[in-house]
Amino acid sequence: MPHNEGMPEERNGTPATIALEVNATKNIIQIFDRHRHTAFHLSRPIDLSVRHEHGQCIITYPPLDLEVWGDNEMEALWAFAELFSDTWHSVANAPDSGLTGDARELKRQMRELVGRTEPVKAA
């Protein structure tokens, strides 16, 4: 089954979790967390940085200081989607009073980046 089966079609960007025939780390406009069944629709496309070290694929998004790794690019992309979602739920939705100054800045950046979220039915 292709990794993008059931994913909404997008015209001006690449969902982060599509099959790797397309460069899935550039021009991302949607991030899908398969565990929380949530789609994050970004307000602007982003590019992820990819490097390979010691047999691992490492994906980073420096503006939000997010970094993950996996045995291959697809595994690292899934990990990125999960980290993005975890950060959204723990920081971007948290009350400012419970956040440090750095966390409030991260919250501001995430809220600017995410245009909207929506639940996605489980397959």
PDB file of N, CA and C in Angstrom:
ATOM      1  N   MET A   1       0.844  -1.174   0.000  1.00  0.00           N
ATOM      2  CA  MET A   1       0.000   0.000   0.000  1.00  0.00           C
ATOM      3  C   MET A   1       0.890   1.238   0.000  1.00  0.00           C
ATOM      4  N   PRO A   2       0.695   2.190  -0.907  1.00  0.00           N
ATOM      5  CA  PRO A   2       1.502   3.405  -0.927  1.00  0.00           C
ATOM      6  C   PRO A   2       1.300   4.195   0.364  1.00  0.00           C
ATOM      7  N   HIS A   3       2.364   4.894   0.806  1.00  0.00           N
ATOM      8  CA  HIS A   3       2.294   5.669   2.036  1.00  0.00           C
ATOM      9  C   HIS A   3       1.357   6.858   1.932  1.00  0.00           C
ATOM     10  N   ASN A   4       0.995   7.260   0.733  1.00  0.00           N
ATOM     11  CA  ASN A   4       0.134   8.429   0.596  1.00  0.00           C
ATOM     12  C   ASN A   4      -1.317   8.056   0.340  1.00  0.00           C
ATOM     13  N   GLU A   5      -1.639   6.771   0.360  1.00  0.00           N
ATOM     14  CA  GLU A   5      -3.015   6.361   0.122  1.00  0.00           C
ATOM     15  C   GLU A   5      -3.915   6.940   1.202  1.00  0.00           C
ATOM     16  N   GLY A   6      -4.989   7.562   0.795  1.00  0.00           N
ATOM     17  CA  GLY A   6      -5.912   8.178   1.728  1.00  0.00           C
ATOM     18  C   GLY A   6      -5.539   9.592   2.116  1.00  0.00           C
ATOM     19  N   MET A   7      -4.375  10.075   1.667  1.00  0.00           N
ATOM     20  CA  MET A   7      -3.966  11.446   1.978  1.00  0.00           C
ATOM     21  C   MET A   7      -4.663  12.401   1.019  1.00  0.00           C
ATOM     22  N   PRO A   8      -5.060  13.572   1.506  1.00  0.00           N
ATOM     23  CA  PRO A   8      -5.672  14.549   0.618  1.00  0.00           C
ATOM     24  C   PRO A   8      -4.677  14.981  -0.455  1.00  0.00           C
ATOM     25  N   GLU A   9      -5.163  15.241  -1.638  1.00  0.00           N
ATOM     26  CA  GLU A   9      -4.318  15.727  -2.721  1.00  0.00           C
ATOM     27  C   GLU A   9      -4.064  17.216  -2.518  1.00  0.00           C
ATOM     28  N   GLU A  10      -2.843  17.647  -2.729  1.00  0.00           N
ATOM     29  CA  GLU A  10      -2.475  19.054  -2.625  1.00  0.00           C
ATOM     30  C   GLU A  10      -1.865  19.472  -3.947  1.00  0.00           C
ATOM     31  N   ARG A  11      -2.153  20.703  -4.364  1.00  0.00           N
ATOM     32  CA  ARG A  11      -1.661  21.171  -5.647  1.00  0.00           C
ATOM     33  C   ARG A  11      -0.355  21.951  -5.545  1.00  0.00           C
ATOM     34  N   ASN A  12      -0.129  22.662  -4.456  1.00  0.00           N
ATOM     35  CA  ASN A  12       1.007  23.570  -4.386  1.00  0.00           C
ATOM     36  C   ASN A  12       2.069  23.138  -3.393  1.00  0.00           C
ATOM     37  N   GLY A  13       2.124  21.877  -3.048  1.00  0.00           N
ATOM     38  CA  GLY A  13       3.135  21.442  -2.112  1.00  0.00           C
ATOM     39  C   GLY A  13       3.116  19.944  -1.941  1.00  0.00           C
ATOM     40  N   THR A  14       3.920  19.464  -1.027  1.00  0.00           N
ATOM     41  CA  THR A  14       4.114  18.047  -0.833  1.00  0.00           C
ATOM     42  C   THR A  14       3.787  17.670   0.608  1.00  0.00           C
ATOM     43  N   PRO A  15       2.814  16.776   0.857  1.00  0.00           N
ATOM     44  CA  PRO A  15       2.634  16.302   2.226  1.00  0.00           C
ATOM     45  C   PRO A  15       3.902  15.613   2.695  1.00  0.00           C
ATOM     46  N   ALA A  16       4.238  15.768   3.961  1.00  0.00           N
ATOM     47  CA  ALA A  16       5.504  15.237   4.481  1.00  0.00           C
ATOM     48  C   ALA A  16       5.566  13.729   4.429  1.00  0.00           C
ATOM     49  N   THR A  17       4.444  13.062   4.331  1.00  0.00           N
ATOM     50  CA  THR A  17       4.472  11.607   4.459  1.00  0.00           C
ATOM     51  C   THR A  17       4.192  10.877   3.153  1.00  0.00           C
ATOM     52  N   ILE A  18       4.349  11.518   2.017  1.00  0.00           N
ATOM     53  CA  ILE A  18       4.071  10.831   0.765  1.00  0.00           C
ATOM     54  C   ILE A  18       5.224   9.915   0.370  1.00  0.00           C
ATOM     55  N   ALA A  19       4.998   9.090  -0.602  1.00  0.00           N
ATOM     56  CA  ALA A  19       6.034   8.180  -1.077  1.00  0.00           C
ATOM     57  C   ALA A  19       7.241   8.963  -1.564  1.00  0.00           C
ATOM     58  N   LEU A  20       8.409   8.360  -1.472  1.00  0.00           N
ATOM     59  CA  LEU A  20       9.645   9.076  -1.720  1.00  0.00           C
ATOM     60  C   LEU A  20      10.000   9.240  -3.193  1.00  0.00           C
ATOM     61  N   GLU A  21       9.111   8.869  -4.127  1.00  0.00           N
ATOM     62  CA  GLU A  21       9.406   9.159  -5.523  1.00  0.00           C
ATOM     63  C   GLU A  21       9.455  10.680  -5.718  1.00  0.00           C
ATOM     64  N   VAL A  22       8.739  11.394  -4.883  1.00  0.00           N
ATOM     65  CA  VAL A  22       8.759  12.853  -4.867  1.00  0.00           C
ATOM     66  C   VAL A  22       9.667  13.228  -3.712  1.00  0.00           C
ATOM     67  N   ASN A  23      10.339  14.371  -3.802  1.00  0.00           N
ATOM     68  CA  ASN A  23      11.169  14.798  -2.683  1.00  0.00           C
ATOM     69  C   ASN A  23      10.252  15.234  -1.550  1.00  0.00           C
ATOM     70  N   ALA A  24      10.080  14.372  -0.591  1.00  0.00           N
ATOM     71  CA  ALA A  24       9.118  14.585   0.494  1.00  0.00           C
ATOM     72  C   ALA A  24       9.650  15.510   1.577  1.00  0.00           C
ATOM     73  N   THR A  25      10.822  16.084   1.389  1.00  0.00           N
ATOM     74  CA  THR A  25      11.378  16.973   2.402  1.00  0.00           C
ATOM     75  C   THR A  25      11.398  18.429   1.951  1.00  0.00           C
ATOM     76  N   LYS A  26      10.876  18.709   0.786  1.00  0.00           N
ATOM     77  CA  LYS A  26      10.873  20.073   0.249  1.00  0.00           C
ATOM     78  C   LYS A  26       9.453  20.518  -0.048  1.00  0.00           C
ATOM     79  N   ASN A  27       9.220  21.796   0.175  1.00  0.00           N
ATOM     80  CA  ASN A  27       7.931  22.403  -0.187  1.00  0.00           C
ATOM     81  C   ASN A  27       6.759  21.738   0.537  1.00  0.00           C
ATOM     82  N   ILE A  28       6.951  21.409   1.808  1.00  0.00           N
ATOM     83  CA  ILE A  28       5.927  20.721   2.597  1.00  0.00           C
ATOM     84  C   ILE A  28       4.837  21.705   3.005  1.00  0.00           C
ATOM     85  N   ILE A  29       3.604  21.329   2.774  1.00  0.00           N
ATOM     86  CA  ILE A  29       2.471  22.182   3.162  1.00  0.00           C
ATOM     87  C   ILE A  29       1.529  21.472   4.127  1.00  0.00           C
ATOM     88  N   GLN A  30       1.783  20.197   4.381  1.00  0.00           N
ATOM     89  CA  GLN A  30       0.919  19.431   5.274  1.00  0.00           C
ATOM     90  C   GLN A  30       1.764  18.381   5.996  1.00  0.00           C
ATOM     91  N   ILE A  31       1.493  18.228   7.291  1.00  0.00           N
ATOM     92  CA  ILE A  31       2.155  17.214   8.099  1.00  0.00           C
ATOM     93  C   ILE A  31       1.057  16.369   8.730  1.00  0.00           C
ATOM     94  N   PHE A  32       1.181  15.056   8.593  1.00  0.00           N
ATOM     95  CA  PHE A  32       0.160  14.141   9.099  1.00  0.00           C
ATOM     96  C   PHE A  32       0.737  13.290  10.218  1.00  0.00           C
ATOM     97  N   ASP A  33       0.127  13.362  11.394  1.00  0.00           N
ATOM     98  CA  ASP A  33       0.518  12.513  12.517  1.00  0.00           C
ATOM     99  C   ASP A  33      -0.386  11.293  12.518  1.00  0.00           C
ATOM    100  N   ARG A  34       0.168  10.145  12.177  1.00  0.00           N
ATOM    101  CA  ARG A  34      -0.624   8.922  12.043  1.00  0.00           C
ATOM    102  C   ARG A  34      -1.097   8.375  13.384  1.00  0.00           C
ATOM    103  N   HIS A  35      -0.473   8.762  14.486  1.00  0.00           N
ATOM    104  CA  HIS A  35      -0.892   8.259  15.797  1.00  0.00           C
ATOM    105  C   HIS A  35      -2.039   9.084  16.380  1.00  0.00           C
ATOM    106  N   ARG A  36      -1.986  10.369  16.190  1.00  0.00           N
ATOM    107  CA  ARG A  36      -3.067  11.232  16.690  1.00  0.00           C
ATOM    108  C   ARG A  36      -4.121  11.473  15.611  1.00  0.00           C
ATOM    109  N   HIS A  37      -3.881  10.967  14.411  1.00  0.00           N
ATOM    110  CA  HIS A  37      -4.813  11.132  13.292  1.00  0.00           C
ATOM    111  C   HIS A  37      -5.152  12.613  13.096  1.00  0.00           C
ATOM    112  N   THR A  38      -4.086  13.403  13.003  1.00  0.00           N
ATOM    113  CA  THR A  38      -4.233  14.845  12.846  1.00  0.00           C
ATOM    114  C   THR A  38      -3.436  15.312  11.643  1.00  0.00           C
ATOM    115  N   ALA A  39      -4.043  16.159  10.830  1.00  0.00           N
ATOM    116  CA  ALA A  39      -3.341  16.807   9.722  1.00  0.00           C
ATOM    117  C   ALA A  39      -3.082  18.255  10.102  1.00  0.00           C
ATOM    118  N   PHE A  40      -1.848  18.676   9.941  1.00  0.00           N
ATOM    119  CA  PHE A  40      -1.458  20.070  10.163  1.00  0.00           C
ATOM    120  C   PHE A  40      -1.291  20.709   8.796  1.00  0.00           C
ATOM    121  N   HIS A  41      -2.133  21.670   8.481  1.00  0.00           N
ATOM    122  CA  HIS A  41      -2.047  22.397   7.210  1.00  0.00           C
ATOM    123  C   HIS A  41      -1.227  23.655   7.472  1.00  0.00           C
ATOM    124  N   LEU A  42      -0.077  23.750   6.833  1.00  0.00           N
ATOM    125  CA  LEU A  42       0.841  24.852   7.095  1.00  0.00           C
ATOM    126  C   LEU A  42       0.438  26.099   6.323  1.00  0.00           C
ATOM    127  N   SER A  43       0.735  27.244   6.889  1.00  0.00           N
ATOM    128  CA  SER A  43       0.391  28.519   6.255  1.00  0.00           C
ATOM    129  C   SER A  43       1.361  28.869   5.134  1.00  0.00           C
ATOM    130  N   ARG A  44       2.522  28.200   5.126  1.00  0.00           N
ATOM    131  CA  ARG A  44       3.509  28.400   4.057  1.00  0.00           C
ATOM    132  C   ARG A  44       4.323  27.114   3.940  1.00  0.00           C
ATOM    133  N   PRO A  45       4.859  26.849   2.763  1.00  0.00           N
ATOM    134  CA  PRO A  45       5.672  25.638   2.592  1.00  0.00           C
ATOM    135  C   PRO A  45       6.966  25.726   3.399  1.00  0.00           C
ATOM    136  N   ILE A  46       7.419  24.583   3.873  1.00  0.00           N
ATOM    137  CA  ILE A  46       8.709  24.504   4.564  1.00  0.00           C
ATOM    138  C   ILE A  46       9.584  23.457   3.892  1.00  0.00           C
ATOM    139  N   ASP A  47      10.877  23.597   4.086  1.00  0.00           N
ATOM    140  CA  ASP A  47      11.859  22.620   3.612  1.00  0.00           C
ATOM    141  C   ASP A  47      12.563  22.028   4.827  1.00  0.00           C
ATOM    142  N   LEU A  48      12.688  20.715   4.840  1.00  0.00           N
ATOM    143  CA  LEU A  48      13.414  20.033   5.895  1.00  0.00           C
ATOM    144  C   LEU A  48      14.836  19.755   5.418  1.00  0.00           C
ATOM    145  N   SER A  49      15.768  19.737   6.348  1.00  0.00           N
ATOM    146  CA  SER A  49      17.153  19.392   6.036  1.00  0.00           C
ATOM    147  C   SER A  49      17.346  17.904   6.302  1.00  0.00           C
ATOM    148  N   VAL A  50      18.046  17.236   5.392  1.00  0.00           N
ATOM    149  CA  VAL A  50      18.278  15.793   5.513  1.00  0.00           C
ATOM    150  C   VAL A  50      19.773  15.531   5.408  1.00  0.00           C
ATOM    151  N   ARG A  51      20.264  14.694   6.313  1.00  0.00           N
ATOM    152  CA  ARG A  51      21.648  14.233   6.207  1.00  0.00           C
ATOM    153  C   ARG A  51      21.698  12.779   6.680  1.00  0.00           C
ATOM    154  N   HIS A  52      22.736  12.105   6.295  1.00  0.00           N
ATOM    155  CA  HIS A  52      22.921  10.697   6.660  1.00  0.00           C
ATOM    156  C   HIS A  52      24.222  10.561   7.426  1.00  0.00           C
ATOM    157  N   GLU A  53      24.122   9.977   8.621  1.00  0.00           N
ATOM    158  CA  GLU A  53      25.298   9.765   9.465  1.00  0.00           C
ATOM    159  C   GLU A  53      25.187   8.414  10.156  1.00  0.00           C
ATOM    160  N   HIS A  54      26.264   7.648  10.121  1.00  0.00           N
ATOM    161  CA  HIS A  54      26.341   6.380  10.846  1.00  0.00           C
ATOM    162  C   HIS A  54      25.146   5.468  10.553  1.00  0.00           C
ATOM    163  N   GLY A  55      24.726   5.425   9.301  1.00  0.00           N
ATOM    164  CA  GLY A  55      23.634   4.550   8.895  1.00  0.00           C
ATOM    165  C   GLY A  55      22.246   5.063   9.249  1.00  0.00           C
ATOM    166  N   GLN A  56      22.150   6.277   9.740  1.00  0.00           N
ATOM    167  CA  GLN A  56      20.863   6.862  10.114  1.00  0.00           C
ATOM    168  C   GLN A  56      20.544   8.045   9.203  1.00  0.00           C
ATOM    169  N   CYS A  57      19.256   8.228   8.955  1.00  0.00           N
ATOM    170  CA  CYS A  57      18.786   9.408   8.243  1.00  0.00           C
ATOM    171  C   CYS A  57      18.342  10.415   9.302  1.00  0.00           C
ATOM    172  N   ILE A  58      18.893  11.605   9.256  1.00  0.00           N
ATOM    173  CA  ILE A  58      18.581  12.655  10.233  1.00  0.00           C
ATOM    174  C   ILE A  58      17.853  13.774   9.507  1.00  0.00           C
ATOM    175  N   ILE A  59      16.686  14.130  10.021  1.00  0.00           N
ATOM    176  CA  ILE A  59      15.878  15.207   9.437  1.00  0.00           C
ATOM    177  C   ILE A  59      15.745  16.306  10.474  1.00  0.00           C
ATOM    178  N   THR A  60      16.003  17.534  10.041  1.00  0.00           N
ATOM    179  CA  THR A  60      15.891  18.677  10.941  1.00  0.00           C
ATOM    180  C   THR A  60      15.050  19.774  10.303  1.00  0.00           C
ATOM    181  N   TYR A  61      14.445  20.563  11.172  1.00  0.00           N
ATOM    182  CA  TYR A  61      13.804  21.816  10.764  1.00  0.00           C
ATOM    183  C   TYR A  61      14.341  22.881  11.716  1.00  0.00           C
ATOM    184  N   PRO A  62      15.465  23.515  11.321  1.00  0.00           N
ATOM    185  CA  PRO A  62      16.150  24.456  12.210  1.00  0.00           C
ATOM    186  C   PRO A  62      15.296  25.610  12.751  1.00  0.00           C
ATOM    187  N   PRO A  63      14.377  26.203  11.986  1.00  0.00           N
ATOM    188  CA  PRO A  63      13.611  27.313  12.558  1.00  0.00           C
ATOM    189  C   PRO A  63      12.857  26.962  13.843  1.00  0.00           C
ATOM    190  N   LEU A  64      12.446  25.698  14.004  1.00  0.00           N
ATOM    191  CA  LEU A  64      11.769  25.279  15.227  1.00  0.00           C
ATOM    192  C   LEU A  64      12.664  24.402  16.107  1.00  0.00           C
ATOM    193  N   ASP A  65      13.923  24.228  15.693  1.00  0.00           N
ATOM    194  CA  ASP A  65      14.892  23.418  16.418  1.00  0.00           C
ATOM    195  C   ASP A  65      14.386  21.992  16.632  1.00  0.00           C
ATOM    196  N   LEU A  66      13.786  21.409  15.577  1.00  0.00           N
ATOM    197  CA  LEU A  66      13.290  20.034  15.626  1.00  0.00           C
ATOM    198  C   LEU A  66      14.271  19.132  14.887  1.00  0.00           C
ATOM    199  N   GLU A  67      14.617  18.002  15.490  1.00  0.00           N
ATOM    200  CA  GLU A  67      15.526  17.044  14.867  1.00  0.00           C
ATOM    201  C   GLU A  67      15.098  15.629  15.234  1.00  0.00           C
ATOM    202  N   VAL A  68      15.065  14.758  14.230  1.00  0.00           N
ATOM    203  CA  VAL A  68      14.705  13.351  14.426  1.00  0.00           C
ATOM    204  C   VAL A  68      15.620  12.494  13.565  1.00  0.00           C
ATOM    205  N   TRP A  69      15.572  11.188  13.785  1.00  0.00           N
ATOM    206  CA  TRP A  69      16.337  10.267  12.958  1.00  0.00           C
ATOM    207  C   TRP A  69      15.553   8.979  12.792  1.00  0.00           C
ATOM    208  N   GLY A  70      15.971   8.231  11.791  1.00  0.00           N
ATOM    209  CA  GLY A  70      15.378   6.932  11.520  1.00  0.00           C
ATOM    210  C   GLY A  70      16.338   6.099  10.706  1.00  0.00           C
ATOM    211  N   ASP A  71      16.001   4.832  10.522  1.00  0.00           N
ATOM    212  CA  ASP A  71      16.848   3.943   9.732  1.00  0.00           C
ATOM    213  C   ASP A  71      16.834   4.297   8.255  1.00  0.00           C
ATOM    214  N   ASN A  72      15.774   5.005   7.814  1.00  0.00           N
ATOM    215  CA  ASN A  72      15.678   5.442   6.429  1.00  0.00           C
ATOM    216  C   ASN A  72      14.876   6.746   6.412  1.00  0.00           C
ATOM    217  N   GLU A  73      14.753   7.347   5.239  1.00  0.00           N
ATOM    218  CA  GLU A  73      14.093   8.649   5.150  1.00  0.00           C
ATOM    219  C   GLU A  73      12.619   8.574   5.525  1.00  0.00           C
ATOM    220  N   MET A  74      11.933   7.530   5.120  1.00  0.00           N
ATOM    221  CA  MET A  74      10.510   7.426   5.452  1.00  0.00           C
ATOM    222  C   MET A  74      10.311   7.308   6.962  1.00  0.00           C
ATOM    223  N   GLU A  75      11.131   6.479   7.603  1.00  0.00           N
ATOM    224  CA  GLU A  75      11.025   6.341   9.052  1.00  0.00           C
ATOM    225  C   GLU A  75      11.307   7.679   9.746  1.00  0.00           C
ATOM    226  N   ALA A  76      12.297   8.401   9.259  1.00  0.00           N
ATOM    227  CA  ALA A  76      12.617   9.712   9.837  1.00  0.00           C
ATOM    228  C   ALA A  76      11.486  10.716   9.594  1.00  0.00           C
ATOM    229  N   LEU A  77      10.834  10.642   8.444  1.00  0.00           N
ATOM    230  CA  LEU A  77       9.698  11.535   8.183  1.00  0.00           C
ATOM    231  C   LEU A  77       8.534  11.252   9.135  1.00  0.00           C
ATOM    232  N   TRP A  78       8.260   9.979   9.387  1.00  0.00           N
ATOM    233  CA  TRP A  78       7.212   9.646  10.349  1.00  0.00           C
ATOM    234  C   TRP A  78       7.585  10.179  11.730  1.00  0.00           C
ATOM    235  N   ALA A  79       8.851  10.032  12.101  1.00  0.00           N
ATOM    236  CA  ALA A  79       9.312  10.533  13.403  1.00  0.00           C
ATOM    237  C   ALA A  79       9.183  12.051  13.463  1.00  0.00           C
ATOM    238  N   PHE A  80       9.484  12.726  12.348  1.00  0.00           N
ATOM    239  CA  PHE A  80       9.342  14.184  12.320  1.00  0.00           C
ATOM    240  C   PHE A  80       7.881  14.581  12.538  1.00  0.00           C
ATOM    241  N   ALA A  81       6.978  13.902  11.857  1.00  0.00           N
ATOM    242  CA  ALA A  81       5.551  14.217  12.004  1.00  0.00           C
ATOM    243  C   ALA A  81       5.106  14.023  13.452  1.00  0.00           C
ATOM    244  N   GLU A  82       5.578  12.973  14.095  1.00  0.00           N
ATOM    245  CA  GLU A  82       5.216  12.719  15.492  1.00  0.00           C
ATOM    246  C   GLU A  82       5.797  13.779  16.420  1.00  0.00           C
ATOM    247  N   LEU A  83       7.063  14.165  16.203  1.00  0.00           N
ATOM    248  CA  LEU A  83       7.675  15.200  17.031  1.00  0.00           C
ATOM    249  C   LEU A  83       6.964  16.538  16.828  1.00  0.00           C
ATOM    250  N   PHE A  84       6.644  16.860  15.579  1.00  0.00           N
ATOM    251  CA  PHE A  84       5.932  18.106  15.296  1.00  0.00           C
ATOM    252  C   PHE A  84       4.601  18.113  16.047  1.00  0.00           C
ATOM    253  N   SER A  85       3.870  17.031  15.966  1.00  0.00           N
ATOM    254  CA  SER A  85       2.575  16.924  16.633  1.00  0.00           C
ATOM    255  C   SER A  85       2.722  16.991  18.149  1.00  0.00           C
ATOM    256  N   ASP A  86       3.695  16.277  18.700  1.00  0.00           N
ATOM    257  CA  ASP A  86       3.926  16.312  20.146  1.00  0.00           C
ATOM    258  C   ASP A  86       4.250  17.732  20.605  1.00  0.00           C
ATOM    259  N   THR A  87       5.084  18.425  19.838  1.00  0.00           N
ATOM    260  CA  THR A  87       5.449  19.795  20.184  1.00  0.00           C
ATOM    261  C   THR A  87       4.232  20.704  20.098  1.00  0.00           C
ATOM    262  N   TRP A  88       3.420  20.510  19.079  1.00  0.00           N
ATOM    263  CA  TRP A  88       2.186  21.293  18.947  1.00  0.00           C
ATOM    264  C   TRP A  88       1.293  21.110  20.176  1.00  0.00           C
ATOM    265  N   HIS A  89       1.080  19.868  20.548  1.00  0.00           N
ATOM    266  CA  HIS A  89       0.163  19.581  21.653  1.00  0.00           C
ATOM    267  C   HIS A  89       0.723  20.004  23.007  1.00  0.00           C
ATOM    268  N   SER A  90       2.032  19.908  23.192  1.00  0.00           N
ATOM    269  CA  SER A  90       2.602  20.237  24.504  1.00  0.00           C
ATOM    270  C   SER A  90       3.024  21.691  24.653  1.00  0.00           C
ATOM    271  N   VAL A  91       3.313  22.367  23.545  1.00  0.00           N
ATOM    272  CA  VAL A  91       3.786  23.758  23.632  1.00  0.00           C
ATOM    273  C   VAL A  91       2.792  24.731  23.005  1.00  0.00           C
ATOM    274  N   ALA A  92       2.421  24.507  21.758  1.00  0.00           N
ATOM    275  CA  ALA A  92       1.583  25.480  21.044  1.00  0.00           C
ATOM    276  C   ALA A  92       0.191  25.602  21.646  1.00  0.00           C
ATOM    277  N   ASN A  93      -0.271  24.566  22.328  1.00  0.00           N
ATOM    278  CA  ASN A  93      -1.596  24.615  22.945  1.00  0.00           C
ATOM    279  C   ASN A  93      -1.538  24.877  24.446  1.00  0.00           C
ATOM    280  N   ALA A  94      -0.353  25.074  24.983  1.00  0.00           N
ATOM    281  CA  ALA A  94      -0.200  25.287  26.423  1.00  0.00           C
ATOM    282  C   ALA A  94      -0.456  26.757  26.781  1.00  0.00           C
ATOM    283  N   PRO A  95      -0.950  27.001  27.993  1.00  0.00           N
ATOM    284  CA  PRO A  95      -1.099  28.397  28.435  1.00  0.00           C
ATOM    285  C   PRO A  95       0.277  29.049  28.596  1.00  0.00           C
ATOM    286  N   ASP A  96       0.389  30.303  28.216  1.00  0.00           N
ATOM    287  CA  ASP A  96       1.665  31.018  28.309  1.00  0.00           C
ATOM    288  C   ASP A  96       2.235  30.997  29.727  1.00  0.00           C
ATOM    289  N   SER A  97       1.378  31.021  30.707  1.00  0.00           N
ATOM    290  CA  SER A  97       1.837  31.085  32.097  1.00  0.00           C
ATOM    291  C   SER A  97       2.671  29.868  32.491  1.00  0.00           C
ATOM    292  N   GLY A  98       2.489  28.762  31.823  1.00  0.00           N
ATOM    293  CA  GLY A  98       3.247  27.560  32.143  1.00  0.00           C
ATOM    294  C   GLY A  98       4.474  27.360  31.274  1.00  0.00           C
ATOM    295  N   LEU A  99       4.794  28.334  30.422  1.00  0.00           N
ATOM    296  CA  LEU A  99       5.900  28.191  29.481  1.00  0.00           C
ATOM    297  C   LEU A  99       7.048  29.139  29.818  1.00  0.00           C
ATOM    298  N   THR A 100       8.265  28.712  29.502  1.00  0.00           N
ATOM    299  CA  THR A 100       9.427  29.588  29.616  1.00  0.00           C
ATOM    300  C   THR A 100       9.398  30.590  28.467  1.00  0.00           C
ATOM    301  N   GLY A 101      10.282  31.542  28.478  1.00  0.00           N
ATOM    302  CA  GLY A 101      10.374  32.514  27.384  1.00  0.00           C
ATOM    303  C   GLY A 101      10.670  31.841  26.050  1.00  0.00           C
ATOM    304  N   ASP A 102      11.600  30.883  26.047  1.00  0.00           N
ATOM    305  CA  ASP A 102      11.927  30.163  24.807  1.00  0.00           C
ATOM    306  C   ASP A 102      10.728  29.361  24.313  1.00  0.00           C
ATOM    307  N   ALA A 103      10.007  28.735  25.228  1.00  0.00           N
ATOM    308  CA  ALA A 103       8.832  27.948  24.840  1.00  0.00           C
ATOM    309  C   ALA A 103       7.725  28.860  24.306  1.00  0.00           C
ATOM    310  N   ARG A 104       7.565  30.044  24.867  1.00  0.00           N
ATOM    311  CA  ARG A 104       6.563  30.995  24.338  1.00  0.00           C
ATOM    312  C   ARG A 104       6.925  31.430  22.918  1.00  0.00           C
ATOM    313  N   GLU A 105       8.215  31.593  22.655  1.00  0.00           N
ATOM    314  CA  GLU A 105       8.657  31.943  21.300  1.00  0.00           C
ATOM    315  C   GLU A 105       8.401  30.784  20.339  1.00  0.00           C
ATOM    316  N   LEU A 106       8.677  29.566  20.763  1.00  0.00           N
ATOM    317  CA  LEU A 106       8.384  28.392  19.942  1.00  0.00           C
ATOM    318  C   LEU A 106       6.884  28.306  19.672  1.00  0.00           C
ATOM    319  N   LYS A 107       6.085  28.547  20.674  1.00  0.00           N
ATOM    320  CA  LYS A 107       4.624  28.544  20.512  1.00  0.00           C
ATOM    321  C   LYS A 107       4.199  29.565  19.465  1.00  0.00           C
ATOM    322  N   ARG A 108       4.750  30.774  19.549  1.00  0.00           N
ATOM    323  CA  ARG A 108       4.416  31.824  18.582  1.00  0.00           C
ATOM    324  C   ARG A 108       4.781  31.387  17.162  1.00  0.00           C
ATOM    325  N   GLN A 109       5.979  30.820  17.000  1.00  0.00           N
ATOM    326  CA  GLN A 109       6.429  30.386  15.675  1.00  0.00           C
ATOM    327  C   GLN A 109       5.543  29.266  15.137  1.00  0.00           C
ATOM    328  N   MET A 110       5.189  28.314  15.979  1.00  0.00           N
ATOM    329  CA  MET A 110       4.343  27.201  15.527  1.00  0.00           C
ATOM    330  C   MET A 110       2.954  27.696  15.143  1.00  0.00           C
ATOM    331  N   ARG A 111       2.405  28.602  15.934  1.00  0.00           N
ATOM    332  CA  ARG A 111       1.066  29.118  15.637  1.00  0.00           C
ATOM    333  C   ARG A 111       1.052  29.936  14.346  1.00  0.00           C
ATOM    334  N   GLU A 112       2.156  30.599  14.028  1.00  0.00           N
ATOM    335  CA  GLU A 112       2.268  31.301  12.748  1.00  0.00           C
ATOM    336  C   GLU A 112       2.394  30.314  11.590  1.00  0.00           C
ATOM    337  N   LEU A 113       3.091  29.218  11.826  1.00  0.00           N
ATOM    338  CA  LEU A 113       3.340  28.231  10.769  1.00  0.00           C
ATOM    339  C   LEU A 113       2.116  27.379  10.454  1.00  0.00           C
ATOM    340  N   VAL A 114       1.365  26.984  11.467  1.00  0.00           N
ATOM    341  CA  VAL A 114       0.212  26.107  11.266  1.00  0.00           C
ATOM    342  C   VAL A 114      -1.014  26.961  10.970  1.00  0.00           C
ATOM    343  N   GLY A 115      -1.523  26.804   9.755  1.00  0.00           N
ATOM    344  CA  GLY A 115      -2.726  27.535   9.371  1.00  0.00           C
ATOM    345  C   GLY A 115      -3.974  26.948  10.012  1.00  0.00           C
ATOM    346  N   ARG A 116      -4.030  25.609  10.049  1.00  0.00           N
ATOM    347  CA  ARG A 116      -5.166  24.926  10.674  1.00  0.00           C
ATOM    348  C   ARG A 116      -4.804  23.467  10.873  1.00  0.00           C
ATOM    349  N   THR A 117      -5.543  22.841  11.782  1.00  0.00           N
ATOM    350  CA  THR A 117      -5.412  21.397  11.989  1.00  0.00           C
ATOM    351  C   THR A 117      -6.781  20.765  11.731  1.00  0.00           C
ATOM    352  N   GLU A 118      -6.750  19.497  11.403  1.00  0.00           N
ATOM    353  CA  GLU A 118      -8.009  18.786  11.260  1.00  0.00           C
ATOM    354  C   GLU A 118      -7.816  17.320  11.576  1.00  0.00           C
ATOM    355  N   PRO A 119      -8.845  16.700  12.168  1.00  0.00           N
ATOM    356  CA  PRO A 119      -8.756  15.266  12.413  1.00  0.00           C
ATOM    357  C   PRO A 119      -8.859  14.518  11.095  1.00  0.00           C
ATOM    358  N   VAL A 120      -8.177  13.390  11.024  1.00  0.00           N
ATOM    359  CA  VAL A 120      -8.195  12.539   9.840  1.00  0.00           C
ATOM    360  C   VAL A 120      -8.643  11.161  10.311  1.00  0.00           C
ATOM    361  N   LYS A 121      -9.581  10.578   9.594  1.00  0.00           N
ATOM    362  CA  LYS A 121     -10.078   9.251   9.968  1.00  0.00           C
ATOM    363  C   LYS A 121      -8.972   8.221   9.879  1.00  0.00           C
ATOM    364  N   ALA A 122      -8.955   7.324  10.850  1.00  0.00           N
ATOM    365  CA  ALA A 122      -7.987   6.232  10.837  1.00  0.00           C
ATOM    366  C   ALA A 122      -8.299   5.277   9.698  1.00  0.00           C
ATOM    367  N   ALA A 123      -7.266   4.732   9.092  1.00  0.00           N
ATOM    368  CA  ALA A 123      -7.461   3.800   7.972  1.00  0.00           C
ATOM    369  C   ALA A 123      -7.902   2.452   8.458  1.00  0.00           C
TER     370      ALA A 123
END
